[in-house]
């Protein structure tokens, strides 16, 4: 076995980390879970294989034979630079005398590919989120008590999750107004707002935070 091929791992990791950056920018706290969906994993794998494949091709063709660690690093960073490159095509008139440069390049294809797979990942992630909430939402606790748990437990965070307390207060006020009207079935209203609160919390703090904020 030619152990020099193991240097491809360096290029592989750089490509994978660059791909994970895109996943994190889209899904934040849910990025680890999004990465384990089939579309998300496929996206990360192909992003990692691109620079690794460049290294293997260069080494197999004997274009490179020395300084393999440096070359592997260069393959990883160089591939990302290439993918993010834009080339000036022409200037376009945009009305009222303004002119805009038309830029095209691999970055446009990368964004299309990223959006395609990560949009597909969102469906799997939504089902996973639904299953998690149904399993971990305390069944014997009503909406108002759940809100009080959030207000109590949110003090454990330093600093607290941005805007979460304000949004929970707005949701509670909205619930109180609808309940006072008497035009909604109380059981259905309770069920709906328990889940609205649950998804609100999940989207702010993720799975671990969900259990923390709704614990007794």
Protein backbone atom coordinates (compact mmCIF):
# COMPACT_ATOMS: atom_id res chain seq x y z
CA UNK A 1 0.00 0.00 0.00
CA UNK A 2 1.22 3.48 -0.86
CA UNK A 3 0.83 5.41 2.39
CA UNK A 4 1.36 8.73 0.63
CA UNK A 5 -2.24 8.56 -0.51
CA UNK A 6 -3.26 9.17 3.10
CA UNK A 7 -2.37 12.83 2.59
CA UNK A 8 -5.63 13.09 0.65
CA UNK A 9 -7.35 13.11 4.07
CA UNK A 10 -6.07 16.66 4.58
CA UNK A 11 -7.68 17.87 1.35
CA UNK A 12 -10.80 15.81 2.16
CA UNK A 13 -11.19 17.47 5.57
CA UNK A 14 -10.73 20.99 4.20
CA UNK A 15 -13.41 20.39 1.57
CA UNK A 16 -15.74 18.84 4.14
CA UNK A 17 -15.31 21.71 6.60
CA UNK A 18 -15.96 24.25 3.86
CA UNK A 19 -19.12 22.38 2.97
CA UNK A 20 -20.21 22.24 6.60
CA UNK A 21 -19.88 26.02 6.76
CA UNK A 22 -22.68 26.25 4.20
CA UNK A 23 -24.82 23.81 6.19
CA UNK A 24 -24.25 25.78 9.39
CA UNK A 25 -25.13 29.10 7.75
CA UNK A 26 -28.47 27.63 6.73
CA UNK A 27 -29.42 25.45 9.72
CA UNK A 28 -27.42 26.90 12.68
CA UNK A 29 -28.03 24.66 15.71
CA UNK A 30 -29.62 22.00 13.52
CA UNK A 31 -26.58 21.75 11.25
CA UNK A 32 -25.26 18.49 12.82
CA UNK A 33 -28.64 16.84 12.32
CA UNK A 34 -29.01 18.28 8.81
CA UNK A 35 -25.60 16.83 7.96
CA UNK A 36 -26.79 13.31 8.79
CA UNK A 37 -29.72 13.43 6.36
CA UNK A 38 -29.06 11.75 3.01
CA UNK A 39 -29.05 15.01 1.00
CA UNK A 40 -26.96 16.82 3.63
CA UNK A 41 -24.44 14.00 3.89
CA UNK A 42 -24.24 13.75 0.10
CA UNK A 43 -23.50 17.45 -0.12
CA UNK A 44 -20.70 17.26 2.44
CA UNK A 45 -19.25 14.12 0.86
CA UNK A 46 -19.08 15.60 -2.62
CA UNK A 47 -17.58 18.83 -1.30
CA UNK A 48 -14.91 16.80 0.48
CA UNK A 49 -14.23 14.47 -2.45
CA UNK A 50 -13.60 17.32 -4.89
CA UNK A 51 -10.26 18.52 -3.44
CA UNK A 52 -9.32 14.97 -2.41
CA UNK A 53 -9.85 13.84 -5.98
CA UNK A 54 -7.62 16.63 -7.25
CA UNK A 55 -4.83 15.48 -4.93
CA UNK A 56 -5.21 11.84 -5.98
CA UNK A 57 -5.17 12.81 -9.64
CA UNK A 58 -2.01 14.89 -9.27
CA UNK A 59 -0.21 12.23 -7.27
CA UNK A 60 -1.30 9.30 -9.43
CA UNK A 61 -0.07 11.09 -12.55
CA UNK A 62 3.25 11.82 -10.77
CA UNK A 63 2.85 15.56 -11.24
CA UNK A 64 3.58 15.82 -7.52
CA UNK A 65 5.92 13.56 -5.56
CA UNK A 66 7.30 15.76 -2.76
CA UNK A 67 5.95 18.13 -0.10
CA UNK A 68 2.73 16.14 -0.14
CA UNK A 69 1.32 17.72 3.02
CA UNK A 70 1.71 21.19 1.55
CA UNK A 71 0.21 20.02 -1.73
CA UNK A 72 -2.76 18.46 0.09
CA UNK A 73 -3.36 21.72 1.93
CA UNK A 74 -3.07 23.60 -1.35
CA UNK A 75 -5.56 21.26 -3.02
CA UNK A 76 -8.07 21.87 -0.25
CA UNK A 77 -7.73 25.65 -0.16
CA UNK A 78 -7.20 25.98 -3.90
CA UNK A 79 -10.35 24.03 -4.69
CA UNK A 80 -12.35 26.34 -2.43
CA UNK A 81 -10.82 29.42 -4.04
CA UNK A 82 -11.72 28.06 -7.46
CA UNK A 83 -15.30 27.23 -6.44
CA UNK A 84 -15.78 30.73 -5.05
CA UNK A 85 -14.30 32.50 -8.07
CA UNK A 86 -16.39 34.87 -10.18
CA UNK A 87 -15.36 36.11 -13.62
CA UNK A 88 -16.34 39.45 -15.12
CA UNK A 89 -18.54 38.89 -18.19
CA UNK A 90 -19.87 42.32 -19.10
CA UNK A 91 -21.59 45.42 -17.79
CA UNK A 92 -25.38 45.65 -17.86
CA UNK A 93 -27.56 48.76 -17.87
CA UNK A 94 -29.89 48.74 -14.86
CA UNK A 95 -31.99 51.83 -15.48
CA UNK A 96 -31.58 55.51 -14.63
CA UNK A 97 -27.99 55.48 -15.81
CA UNK A 98 -26.77 52.86 -13.34
CA UNK A 99 -24.44 50.14 -14.56
CA UNK A 100 -23.92 46.75 -12.94
CA UNK A 101 -21.14 44.25 -13.55
CA UNK A 102 -22.29 40.80 -14.65
CA UNK A 103 -20.16 38.20 -12.85
CA UNK A 104 -20.37 34.46 -13.44
CA UNK A 105 -18.30 31.52 -12.32
CA UNK A 106 -18.15 28.24 -10.37
CA UNK A 107 -19.68 30.02 -7.35
CA UNK A 108 -23.03 30.22 -9.14
CA UNK A 109 -22.99 26.47 -9.77
CA UNK A 110 -21.88 25.82 -6.19
CA UNK A 111 -24.75 27.88 -4.79
CA UNK A 112 -27.25 26.10 -7.03
CA UNK A 113 -25.90 22.70 -5.96
CA UNK A 114 -25.85 23.70 -2.29
CA UNK A 115 -29.41 25.02 -2.39
CA UNK A 116 -30.62 21.93 -4.24
CA UNK A 117 -29.31 19.44 -1.68
CA UNK A 118 -29.84 21.50 1.45
CA UNK A 119 -33.43 22.23 0.43
CA UNK A 120 -33.93 18.48 0.10
CA UNK A 121 -32.35 18.03 3.53
CA UNK A 122 -34.89 20.42 5.07
CA UNK A 123 -37.73 17.94 4.42
CA UNK A 124 -35.94 15.16 6.28
CA UNK A 125 -34.97 17.59 9.02
CA UNK A 126 -38.57 18.78 9.45
CA UNK A 127 -39.76 15.20 9.95
CA UNK A 128 -36.96 14.59 12.45
CA UNK A 129 -37.88 17.77 14.32
CA UNK A 130 -41.56 16.75 14.43
CA UNK A 131 -40.68 13.31 15.79
CA UNK A 132 -38.41 14.81 18.45
CA UNK A 133 -41.01 17.33 19.65
CA UNK A 134 -43.76 14.71 19.84
CA UNK A 135 -41.49 12.48 21.90
CA UNK A 136 -40.08 15.08 24.32
CA UNK A 137 -42.93 17.58 24.77
CA UNK A 138 -44.25 17.04 28.33
CA UNK A 139 -47.71 15.58 27.83
CA UNK A 140 -49.32 16.47 31.16
CA UNK A 141 -48.25 20.14 31.21
CA UNK A 142 -50.52 22.82 29.74
CA UNK A 143 -49.38 25.72 27.59
CA UNK A 144 -49.29 28.33 30.34
CA UNK A 145 -47.19 26.11 32.59
CA UNK A 146 -44.81 25.39 29.74
CA UNK A 147 -44.34 29.13 29.28
CA UNK A 148 -43.56 29.50 32.98
CA UNK A 149 -40.97 26.75 32.72
CA UNK A 150 -39.31 28.63 29.87
CA UNK A 151 -39.25 31.90 31.84
CA UNK A 152 -37.74 30.10 34.83
CA UNK A 153 -35.14 28.05 33.01
CA UNK A 154 -34.05 30.70 30.53
CA UNK A 155 -32.19 32.39 33.40
CA UNK A 156 -29.71 29.50 33.28
CA UNK A 157 -28.38 30.88 29.99
CA UNK A 158 -25.74 33.59 30.04
CA UNK A 159 -26.61 35.42 27.90
CA UNK A 160 -30.19 34.24 27.28
CA UNK A 161 -31.11 33.17 23.71
CA UNK A 162 -31.73 36.40 21.75
CA UNK A 163 -35.41 37.43 21.53
CA UNK A 164 -36.73 34.07 22.79
CA UNK A 165 -38.32 35.45 25.97
CA UNK A 166 -40.00 38.25 24.02
CA UNK A 167 -41.38 35.83 21.44
CA UNK A 168 -42.71 33.46 24.11
CA UNK A 169 -44.43 36.42 25.81
CA UNK A 170 -46.03 37.42 22.50
CA UNK A 171 -47.19 33.86 21.92
CA UNK A 172 -48.70 33.70 25.43
CA UNK A 173 -50.51 37.03 24.90
CA UNK A 174 -51.85 35.76 21.59
CA UNK A 175 -53.09 32.60 23.29
CA UNK A 176 -54.79 34.60 26.06
CA UNK A 177 -56.59 36.84 23.56
CA UNK A 178 -57.94 33.91 21.57
CA UNK A 179 -58.95 32.06 24.71
CA UNK A 180 -60.78 35.14 26.01
CA UNK A 181 -62.77 35.44 22.79
CA UNK A 182 -64.34 32.05 23.44
CA UNK A 183 -64.61 31.33 19.70
CA UNK A 184 -61.99 28.57 19.67
CA UNK A 185 -62.30 25.03 20.97
CA UNK A 186 -60.24 25.11 24.21
CA UNK A 187 -58.65 21.67 23.65
CA UNK A 188 -57.62 22.43 20.07
CA UNK A 189 -56.32 25.86 21.07
CA UNK A 190 -54.26 24.32 23.86
CA UNK A 191 -52.86 21.65 21.55
CA UNK A 192 -51.97 24.14 18.83
CA UNK A 193 -50.14 26.55 21.11
CA UNK A 194 -48.25 23.83 22.96
CA UNK A 195 -46.75 22.84 19.62
CA UNK A 196 -46.20 26.43 18.46
CA UNK A 197 -44.25 27.03 21.65
CA UNK A 198 -42.30 23.79 21.20
CA UNK A 199 -41.17 24.61 17.66
CA UNK A 200 -40.34 28.17 18.67
CA UNK A 201 -38.05 26.88 21.42
CA UNK A 202 -36.53 24.21 19.19
CA UNK A 203 -35.70 26.73 16.47
CA UNK A 204 -33.97 29.00 18.98
CA UNK A 205 -31.97 26.56 21.09
CA UNK A 206 -32.00 23.16 19.38
CA UNK A 207 -32.57 19.75 20.97
CA UNK A 208 -30.51 20.07 24.13
CA UNK A 209 -31.88 23.51 24.81
CA UNK A 210 -35.41 22.23 24.27
CA UNK A 211 -35.10 19.74 27.11
CA UNK A 212 -33.36 22.31 29.30
CA UNK A 213 -36.03 24.98 28.92
CA UNK A 214 -39.00 22.66 29.31
CA UNK A 215 -37.70 20.65 32.23
CA UNK A 216 -39.54 21.02 35.55
